[in-house]
Amino acid sequence: MSPEPVVHPVSRRGLRIAAVLAAAIAIVVVGGGIASRAANSSHLRQWTAAQAQPVVTVTQPQPGNGSAVLALPGRLEAYSRAPIYARVNGYLKSWKVDIGASVQAGQLLAEIEAPDLDQQLSQARADLLTARANAALASTTARRWQGLVKSDAVSQQDVDMKNGDWAAKAAIVKATEANVDRLAVMEGFKRITAPFSGTVTQRTTDVGALINAGSGKGLELFVVSDTQKLRLYVSVPQNYAAQINSGTQAQITVPERPGRTFIATVQTTSQSVDPASGSTLVQLAVDNETGELVPGAFANVRLDLPAAAASLSIPASALIFDSRGARVATIGPDNRVALKPVKIARDLGNVIEISSGLAANDRIIDSPPDGIGKGDQVRVAPASAGGGLLTAAASPRAPAGTKANETK
């Protein structure tokens, strides 16, 4: 048989030491957990406070460009345009030129047949012969009665009556001559001629058409336009009207001449603003000796404007418009917002030139969030790897130990 194992009794002192060690270990574990939770809670509060601050992108003002380009639509018109109307009634006998024909001043365009006018002229000439005959008879009678008054054969009253009749008949002769001259001039209007050298740009009549005299009754027969030089009309926004001066040159292009550029020179402006469009009408002159441009055509106009003095350029998205006017949100060294009122020198679309209110070293918030105010704390988005700025969606990850991580 094997011997039985010997059991040594445990001393009370050893048990006490083991209990103390176990309690110390428990205290260390519990204290460490409490400290870890306190640190995580503090970190979470800091992270939450940081996430409450809006993330913004910043930019800095850039010096204004040496010049600005104003691109506007324009309308070409003939330098001189004359609608041709008839001065006599009748029928079109013939026309000599068609649209697109070049004509010289005084060149015959068409002839009108006016039988009524011809008859009126013939009647007026006959009336003139009658008036002259009556005046000659009255003159002879007056002279005879003037000789009889010396012999007291007739009274002075009768002589005066004969002299008056002579004067009246002479006046009728003059009136009849004037009527003949008028109708003779009207006869000349049966020939439609060009008022100046140019191009026939419209013909609205044909042989046999009924012609009504005057612009109030009938349509224009022809339109003659001087296309050697054209007028170009452009509506310039009020903001830039003061920068358009006489003599300023512009470059124009037209769809029918791709790749071609023409030069126009500012002649004058309307010196007024159209309340409907808020623009000023500007007139430019275009040399068209080659005939490549046509009146009535659309044109793209490029005007080079001088830059505003000491101006700074900022993105248009950085502007804030409210009841206080135009302002810009800037960020100070402590990342707090300051709102600065600015004065706009020129609106170039995506870029705004500021004449006052900003410094070249200001940090400007691009696309400021709604409701941003003076003194608000913000966070600046760090630069991305590509050199850009991170958006608000690229926010830092939540710290370890937060509730979000614990639920995962």
Protein backbone atom coordinates (compact mmCIF):
# COMPACT_ATOMS: atom_id res chain seq x y z
CA MET A 1 0.00 0.00 0.00
CA SER A 2 1.12 3.50 -0.84
CA PRO A 3 1.46 6.03 1.89
CA GLU A 4 -1.34 8.63 2.34
CA PRO A 5 -0.50 12.26 1.30
CA VAL A 6 0.42 14.65 3.97
CA VAL A 7 -1.90 17.77 4.17
CA HIS A 8 -0.28 20.87 5.59
CA PRO A 9 -2.65 23.27 7.26
CA VAL A 10 -2.88 26.87 5.64
CA SER A 11 -1.98 29.58 7.96
CA ARG A 12 -4.28 32.50 8.58
CA ARG A 13 -1.53 34.96 7.74
CA GLY A 14 -1.21 33.62 4.17
CA LEU A 15 -4.93 33.92 3.65
CA ARG A 16 -4.88 37.56 4.70
CA ILE A 17 -2.00 38.36 2.33
CA ALA A 18 -3.85 36.71 -0.60
CA ALA A 19 -6.98 38.66 0.18
CA VAL A 20 -5.09 41.95 0.29
CA LEU A 21 -3.41 41.20 -3.05
CA ALA A 22 -6.72 40.33 -4.66
CA ALA A 23 -8.33 43.54 -3.37
CA ALA A 24 -5.38 45.62 -4.63
CA ILE A 25 -5.65 44.05 -8.09
CA ALA A 26 -9.40 44.71 -8.16
CA ILE A 27 -8.87 48.34 -7.14
CA VAL A 28 -6.27 48.82 -9.90
CA VAL A 29 -8.55 47.28 -12.55
CA VAL A 30 -11.59 49.31 -11.50
CA GLY A 31 -9.58 52.55 -11.22
CA GLY A 32 -8.04 52.01 -14.63
CA GLY A 33 -11.47 51.46 -16.21
CA ILE A 34 -12.87 54.59 -14.54
CA ALA A 35 -9.89 56.68 -15.70
CA SER A 36 -10.15 55.28 -19.24
CA ARG A 37 -13.86 56.11 -19.38
CA ALA A 38 -13.22 59.63 -18.06
CA ALA A 39 -10.54 60.22 -20.72
CA ASN A 40 -12.78 58.88 -23.49
CA SER A 41 -15.67 61.04 -22.25
CA SER A 42 -13.47 64.15 -22.30
CA HIS A 43 -12.19 63.27 -25.78
CA LEU A 44 -15.75 62.71 -26.96
CA ARG A 45 -16.87 66.09 -25.66
CA GLN A 46 -13.96 67.77 -27.44
CA TRP A 47 -14.71 65.90 -30.66
CA THR A 48 -18.42 66.74 -30.44
CA ALA A 49 -17.64 70.41 -29.86
CA ALA A 50 -15.29 70.38 -32.84
CA GLN A 51 -17.92 68.74 -35.05
CA ALA A 52 -20.40 71.48 -34.10
CA GLN A 53 -18.12 74.05 -35.77
CA PRO A 54 -18.79 74.42 -39.52
CA VAL A 55 -16.01 73.36 -41.85
CA VAL A 56 -15.24 76.04 -44.45
CA THR A 57 -12.92 76.46 -47.38
CA VAL A 58 -10.86 79.61 -47.60
CA THR A 59 -9.26 81.59 -50.38
CA GLN A 60 -7.37 84.85 -50.67
CA PRO A 61 -8.07 87.88 -52.88
CA GLN A 62 -6.09 88.09 -56.09
CA PRO A 63 -4.94 91.28 -57.83
CA GLY A 64 -7.36 92.54 -60.49
CA ASN A 65 -6.60 91.71 -64.09
CA GLY A 66 -4.98 94.26 -66.39
CA SER A 67 -8.20 94.36 -68.41
CA ALA A 68 -11.62 92.80 -68.53
CA VAL A 69 -13.54 91.43 -71.48
CA LEU A 70 -17.20 92.26 -71.97
CA ALA A 71 -18.90 89.89 -74.44
CA LEU A 72 -22.32 91.03 -75.64
CA PRO A 73 -24.67 90.38 -78.56
CA GLY A 74 -25.06 93.13 -81.14
CA ARG A 75 -27.14 94.00 -84.19
CA LEU A 76 -25.74 95.29 -87.49
CA GLU A 77 -27.65 97.96 -89.40
CA ALA A 78 -26.96 99.88 -92.60
CA TYR A 79 -25.26 103.22 -92.01
CA SER A 80 -27.93 104.85 -94.20
CA ARG A 81 -31.25 103.20 -95.05
CA ALA A 82 -33.94 104.81 -97.23
CA PRO A 83 -37.36 103.23 -97.84
CA ILE A 84 -38.56 104.46 -101.27
CA TYR A 85 -42.26 105.40 -101.53
CA ALA A 86 -44.21 106.67 -104.53
CA ARG A 87 -45.25 110.32 -104.72
CA VAL A 88 -47.88 109.76 -107.43
CA ASN A 89 -50.80 107.39 -107.85
CA GLY A 90 -50.83 104.95 -110.73
CA TYR A 91 -49.54 101.56 -111.84
CA LEU A 92 -45.98 100.31 -111.94
CA LYS A 93 -44.89 100.44 -115.55
CA SER A 94 -41.49 98.74 -115.06
CA TRP A 95 -38.70 98.19 -112.54
CA LYS A 96 -35.03 98.30 -113.44
CA VAL A 97 -33.16 96.80 -110.45
CA ASP A 98 -33.71 93.88 -108.14
CA ILE A 99 -32.52 93.07 -104.60
CA GLY A 100 -28.77 92.89 -104.18
CA ALA A 101 -28.08 95.30 -107.04
CA SER A 102 -25.62 98.14 -106.49
CA VAL A 103 -27.01 101.51 -107.51
CA GLN A 104 -25.64 105.02 -107.82
CA ALA A 105 -27.28 108.21 -106.64
CA GLY A 106 -29.97 109.26 -109.13
CA GLN A 107 -30.09 105.90 -110.90
CA LEU A 108 -33.53 104.89 -112.21
CA LEU A 109 -35.17 102.17 -110.13
CA ALA A 110 -38.67 102.02 -111.61
CA GLU A 111 -41.25 103.95 -113.64
CA ILE A 112 -44.88 104.59 -112.79
CA GLU A 113 -47.70 105.02 -115.29
CA ALA A 114 -50.04 107.78 -114.04
CA PRO A 115 -52.71 108.67 -116.67
CA ASP A 116 -54.70 110.72 -114.18
CA LEU A 117 -51.69 112.92 -113.52
CA ASP A 118 -51.06 113.29 -117.24
CA GLN A 119 -54.60 114.51 -117.78
CA GLN A 120 -54.36 116.92 -114.86
CA LEU A 121 -51.21 118.42 -116.35
CA SER A 122 -52.84 118.79 -119.76
CA GLN A 123 -55.85 120.49 -118.18
CA ALA A 124 -53.63 122.81 -116.15
CA ARG A 125 -51.74 123.85 -119.25
CA ALA A 126 -55.04 124.58 -121.05
CA ASP A 127 -56.24 126.60 -118.06
CA LEU A 128 -52.99 128.53 -118.23
CA LEU A 129 -53.62 129.46 -121.87
CA THR A 130 -57.13 130.63 -120.97
CA ALA A 131 -55.84 132.66 -118.04
CA ARG A 132 -53.21 134.32 -120.17
CA ALA A 133 -55.77 135.21 -122.85
CA ASN A 134 -58.13 136.69 -120.26
CA ALA A 135 -55.26 138.64 -118.71
CA ALA A 136 -54.22 140.01 -122.11
CA LEU A 137 -57.78 141.17 -122.85
CA ALA A 138 -58.09 142.76 -119.39
CA SER A 139 -54.77 144.55 -119.95
CA THR A 140 -55.90 145.98 -123.28
CA THR A 141 -59.25 147.05 -121.86
CA ALA A 142 -57.64 148.74 -118.88
CA ARG A 143 -55.24 150.71 -121.07
CA ARG A 144 -58.08 151.89 -123.33
CA TRP A 145 -60.20 153.03 -120.42
CA GLN A 146 -57.20 154.82 -119.01
CA GLY A 147 -57.05 156.89 -122.25
CA LEU A 148 -60.78 157.65 -122.18
CA VAL A 149 -60.72 159.08 -118.69
CA LYS A 150 -58.73 162.08 -119.95
CA SER A 151 -61.62 163.09 -122.19
CA ASP A 152 -64.14 162.53 -119.41
CA ALA A 153 -65.85 159.86 -121.53
CA VAL A 154 -65.74 157.42 -118.62
CA SER A 155 -65.56 157.90 -114.92
CA GLN A 156 -62.48 157.26 -112.81
CA GLN A 157 -64.44 154.57 -110.97
CA ASP A 158 -64.89 152.61 -114.19
CA VAL A 159 -61.19 152.93 -114.97
CA ASP A 160 -60.26 151.66 -111.51
CA MET A 161 -62.58 148.69 -111.99
CA LYS A 162 -60.92 147.77 -115.28
CA ASN A 163 -57.46 148.09 -113.72
CA GLY A 164 -58.54 145.83 -110.85
CA ASP A 165 -59.92 143.28 -113.30
CA TRP A 166 -56.58 143.31 -115.10
CA ALA A 167 -54.69 142.74 -111.85
CA ALA A 168 -57.01 139.88 -110.89
CA LYS A 169 -56.57 138.22 -114.29
CA ALA A 170 -52.78 138.59 -113.97
CA ALA A 171 -52.92 136.90 -110.55
CA ILE A 172 -54.94 134.03 -112.01
CA VAL A 173 -52.21 133.58 -114.60
CA LYS A 174 -49.57 133.29 -111.88
CA ALA A 175 -51.67 130.79 -109.90
CA THR A 176 -52.26 128.71 -113.01
CA GLU A 177 -48.56 128.76 -113.86
CA ALA A 178 -47.76 127.55 -110.33
CA ASN A 179 -50.25 124.70 -110.72
CA VAL A 180 -48.67 123.72 -114.03
CA ASP A 181 -45.22 123.78 -112.44
CA ARG A 182 -46.47 121.63 -109.53
CA LEU A 183 -47.95 119.02 -111.83
CA ALA A 184 -44.82 119.05 -113.96
CA VAL A 185 -42.77 118.29 -110.86
CA MET A 186 -45.20 115.51 -109.97
CA GLU A 187 -44.67 114.12 -113.44
CA GLY A 188 -41.01 113.78 -112.56
CA PHE A 189 -41.95 111.55 -109.62
CA LYS A 190 -43.14 108.92 -112.07
CA ARG A 191 -39.45 108.04 -112.24
CA ILE A 192 -38.27 106.36 -109.00
CA THR A 193 -34.56 107.05 -108.49
CA ALA A 194 -31.98 106.10 -105.85
CA PRO A 195 -31.42 108.85 -103.25
CA PHE A 196 -27.77 107.81 -102.70
CA SER A 197 -25.29 105.17 -103.76
CA GLY A 198 -25.84 101.83 -102.10
CA THR A 199 -27.46 98.44 -102.44
CA VAL A 200 -31.10 97.55 -103.08
CA THR A 201 -31.96 95.43 -100.04
CA GLN A 202 -35.71 95.17 -100.61
CA ARG A 203 -38.23 95.27 -103.49
CA THR A 204 -41.94 94.93 -102.68
CA THR A 205 -43.58 95.77 -105.99
CA ASP A 206 -43.93 94.37 -109.49
CA VAL A 207 -45.13 95.38 -112.93
CA GLY A 208 -48.82 96.31 -112.95
CA ALA A 209 -49.07 96.78 -109.20
CA LEU A 210 -51.37 99.54 -107.99
CA ILE A 211 -49.30 102.39 -106.57
CA ASN A 212 -50.63 104.68 -103.84
CA ALA A 213 -48.85 107.93 -103.20
CA GLY A 214 -47.28 108.63 -99.82
CA SER A 215 -45.92 106.45 -97.01
CA GLY A 216 -49.22 106.42 -95.15
CA LYS A 217 -51.22 104.52 -97.80
CA GLY A 218 -48.89 102.17 -99.61
CA LEU A 219 -45.95 99.93 -98.91
CA GLU A 220 -42.41 100.94 -99.68
CA LEU A 221 -41.46 100.07 -103.24
CA PHE A 222 -37.73 99.66 -102.63
CA VAL A 223 -35.25 99.95 -99.79
CA VAL A 224 -31.81 101.30 -100.61
CA SER A 225 -29.09 100.82 -97.98
CA ASP A 226 -25.57 102.16 -97.78
CA THR A 227 -23.61 99.05 -96.76
CA GLN A 228 -20.11 100.41 -97.31
CA LYS A 229 -20.22 101.31 -93.63
CA LEU A 230 -22.43 99.71 -91.00
CA ARG A 231 -23.76 100.73 -87.62
CA LEU A 232 -23.48 98.22 -84.78
CA TYR A 233 -25.85 98.56 -81.83
CA VAL A 234 -25.02 96.96 -78.47
CA SER A 235 -26.92 97.18 -75.17
CA VAL A 236 -24.28 97.60 -72.44
CA PRO A 237 -25.27 96.93 -68.80
CA GLN A 238 -25.45 100.04 -66.64
CA ASN A 239 -22.46 98.89 -64.52
CA TYR A 240 -20.12 99.22 -67.51
CA ALA A 241 -21.72 102.09 -69.43
CA ALA A 242 -19.39 104.69 -67.89
CA GLN A 243 -16.33 102.74 -69.11
CA ILE A 244 -17.42 102.83 -72.77
CA ASN A 245 -15.96 105.95 -74.37
CA SER A 246 -15.97 107.30 -77.90
CA GLY A 247 -13.12 105.77 -79.89
CA THR A 248 -13.03 102.50 -77.95
CA GLN A 249 -12.42 99.61 -80.32
CA ALA A 250 -14.25 96.29 -80.23
CA GLN A 251 -13.80 92.96 -81.98
CA ILE A 252 -16.84 91.39 -83.60
CA THR A 253 -17.56 88.00 -85.10
CA VAL A 254 -20.55 86.81 -87.11
CA PRO A 255 -21.83 83.24 -87.54
CA GLU A 256 -21.66 83.34 -91.34
CA ARG A 257 -17.94 84.22 -91.30
CA PRO A 258 -16.35 81.63 -88.97
CA GLY A 259 -12.78 82.40 -88.02
CA ARG A 260 -13.02 86.03 -89.17
CA THR A 261 -12.74 88.98 -86.80
CA PHE A 262 -13.79 92.52 -87.66
CA ILE A 263 -12.98 95.79 -85.91
CA ALA A 264 -15.66 98.24 -84.77
CA THR A 265 -15.21 101.66 -83.19
CA VAL A 266 -17.50 103.23 -80.62
CA GLN A 267 -19.10 106.40 -81.99
CA THR A 268 -21.60 107.44 -79.37
CA THR A 269 -24.02 106.22 -76.71
CA SER A 270 -27.65 107.03 -76.01
CA GLN A 271 -26.64 108.78 -72.75
CA SER A 272 -29.62 107.15 -71.06
CA VAL A 273 -30.55 103.86 -69.39
CA ASP A 274 -33.47 101.80 -70.62
CA PRO A 275 -35.59 101.16 -67.49
CA ALA A 276 -36.88 97.88 -68.95
CA SER A 277 -33.44 96.29 -69.49
CA GLY A 278 -31.16 98.43 -67.30
CA SER A 279 -28.76 98.94 -70.20
CA THR A 280 -27.38 101.76 -72.34
CA LEU A 281 -27.51 101.60 -76.13
CA VAL A 282 -24.05 102.01 -77.67
CA GLN A 283 -23.48 102.71 -81.38
CA LEU A 284 -20.32 101.51 -83.14
CA ALA A 285 -19.18 101.96 -86.74
CA VAL A 286 -17.88 99.06 -88.83
CA ASP A 287 -16.01 99.44 -92.12
CA ASN A 288 -17.61 97.14 -94.70
CA GLU A 289 -15.98 98.05 -97.99
CA THR A 290 -15.50 94.36 -98.79
CA GLY A 291 -19.21 93.68 -98.30
CA GLU A 292 -18.63 90.68 -96.04
CA LEU A 293 -21.07 91.95 -93.42
CA VAL A 294 -24.77 92.42 -94.06
CA PRO A 295 -27.27 94.72 -92.33
CA GLY A 296 -29.72 93.12 -89.93
CA ALA A 297 -27.25 90.40 -88.94
CA PHE A 298 -26.45 89.23 -85.40
CA ALA A 299 -22.89 89.79 -84.16
CA ASN A 300 -20.85 88.80 -81.11
CA VAL A 301 -19.14 91.87 -79.70
CA ARG A 302 -16.02 91.76 -77.52
CA LEU A 303 -15.14 94.95 -75.63
CA ASP A 304 -11.87 95.21 -73.70
CA LEU A 305 -12.48 97.34 -70.61
CA PRO A 306 -9.77 98.92 -68.44
CA ALA A 307 -9.28 97.35 -65.01
CA ALA A 308 -10.48 99.21 -61.95
CA ALA A 309 -7.65 100.86 -60.04
CA ALA A 310 -6.26 98.88 -57.05
CA SER A 311 -8.94 96.24 -57.31
CA LEU A 312 -8.93 92.74 -55.84
CA SER A 313 -10.64 89.73 -57.41
CA ILE A 314 -12.64 87.21 -55.37
CA PRO A 315 -14.97 84.34 -56.36
CA ALA A 316 -18.56 85.40 -56.84
CA SER A 317 -19.60 82.62 -54.43
CA ALA A 318 -17.80 84.42 -51.57
CA LEU A 319 -20.21 87.38 -51.59
CA ILE A 320 -23.00 87.69 -49.02
CA PHE A 321 -25.98 89.88 -49.98
CA ASP A 322 -28.42 90.95 -47.28
CA SER A 323 -30.15 94.08 -46.01
CA ARG A 324 -26.74 95.57 -45.17
CA GLY A 325 -25.50 95.25 -48.74
CA ALA A 326 -22.58 93.24 -50.11
CA ARG A 327 -20.30 91.69 -47.50
CA VAL A 328 -17.53 89.10 -47.33
CA ALA A 329 -16.89 86.64 -44.49
CA THR A 330 -13.22 86.56 -43.44
CA ILE A 331 -11.40 84.43 -40.85
CA GLY A 332 -9.03 85.83 -38.23
CA PRO A 333 -6.02 84.11 -36.61
CA ASP A 334 -8.34 82.53 -34.00
CA ASN A 335 -10.57 81.06 -36.73
CA ARG A 336 -13.42 83.38 -35.83
CA VAL A 337 -15.59 84.98 -38.51
CA ALA A 338 -15.56 88.70 -39.30
CA LEU A 339 -18.02 90.18 -41.83
CA LYS A 340 -16.56 93.02 -43.92
CA PRO A 341 -18.68 95.31 -46.14
CA VAL A 342 -17.18 95.63 -49.62
CA LYS A 343 -17.71 97.80 -52.68
CA ILE A 344 -18.03 96.02 -56.01
CA ALA A 345 -16.01 97.56 -58.81
CA ARG A 346 -16.99 95.17 -61.57
CA ASP A 347 -19.01 91.98 -61.94
CA LEU A 348 -17.27 89.57 -64.32
CA GLY A 349 -19.58 86.64 -63.76
CA ASN A 350 -17.69 84.00 -61.76
CA VAL A 351 -15.23 86.61 -60.53
CA ILE A 352 -16.03 89.86 -58.71
CA GLU A 353 -13.61 92.79 -58.57
CA ILE A 354 -13.67 94.62 -55.21
CA SER A 355 -12.53 98.24 -55.07
CA SER A 356 -12.57 98.67 -51.27
CA GLY A 357 -13.24 96.78 -48.04
CA LEU A 358 -10.65 93.97 -48.35
CA ALA A 359 -6.93 93.55 -47.84
CA ALA A 360 -4.72 91.37 -49.99
CA ASN A 361 -3.84 89.10 -47.03
CA ASP A 362 -7.43 88.49 -45.86
CA ARG A 363 -8.59 84.90 -45.62
CA ILE A 364 -12.02 84.73 -47.28
CA ILE A 365 -14.62 82.03 -46.80
CA ASP A 366 -15.70 80.63 -50.14
CA SER A 367 -19.41 79.75 -50.22
CA PRO A 368 -20.10 80.69 -46.57
CA PRO A 369 -22.78 78.56 -44.83
CA ASP A 370 -26.22 80.01 -44.29
CA GLY A 371 -26.66 81.82 -41.00
CA ILE A 372 -22.96 82.44 -40.42
CA GLY A 373 -22.41 85.46 -38.21
CA LYS A 374 -19.78 87.66 -36.73
CA GLY A 375 -17.65 85.92 -34.10
CA ASP A 376 -18.68 82.37 -35.07
CA GLN A 377 -15.98 79.73 -34.59
CA VAL A 378 -15.21 77.72 -37.73
CA ARG A 379 -12.78 75.06 -38.83
CA VAL A 380 -10.74 75.47 -42.00
CA ALA A 381 -10.77 72.44 -44.27
CA PRO A 382 -7.23 71.06 -44.73
CA ALA A 383 -5.67 71.07 -48.18
CA SER A 384 -6.27 67.88 -50.14
CA ALA A 385 -3.53 65.83 -51.77
CA GLY A 386 -4.33 67.35 -55.12
CA GLY A 387 -3.82 70.85 -53.82
CA GLY A 388 -7.52 71.59 -53.36
CA LEU A 389 -9.56 72.00 -50.22
CA LEU A 390 -11.59 69.31 -48.50
CA THR A 391 -15.29 69.89 -48.26
CA ALA A 392 -17.33 69.67 -45.07
CA ALA A 393 -18.07 66.01 -45.81
CA ALA A 394 -14.38 65.15 -45.28
CA SER A 395 -14.59 65.59 -41.51
CA PRO A 396 -12.24 63.71 -39.07
CA ARG A 397 -13.25 60.28 -37.84
CA ALA A 398 -14.80 59.91 -34.41
CA PRO A 399 -12.31 59.02 -31.67
CA ALA A 400 -12.02 55.44 -30.46
CA GLY A 401 -14.21 54.57 -27.52
CA THR A 402 -17.17 56.72 -28.56
CA LYS A 403 -20.68 55.40 -28.57
CA ALA A 404 -20.60 55.12 -32.33
CA ASN A 405 -17.66 52.72 -32.20
CA GLU A 406 -19.08 50.82 -29.25
CA THR A 407 -22.26 49.98 -31.11
CA LYS A 408 -20.18 48.49 -33.87
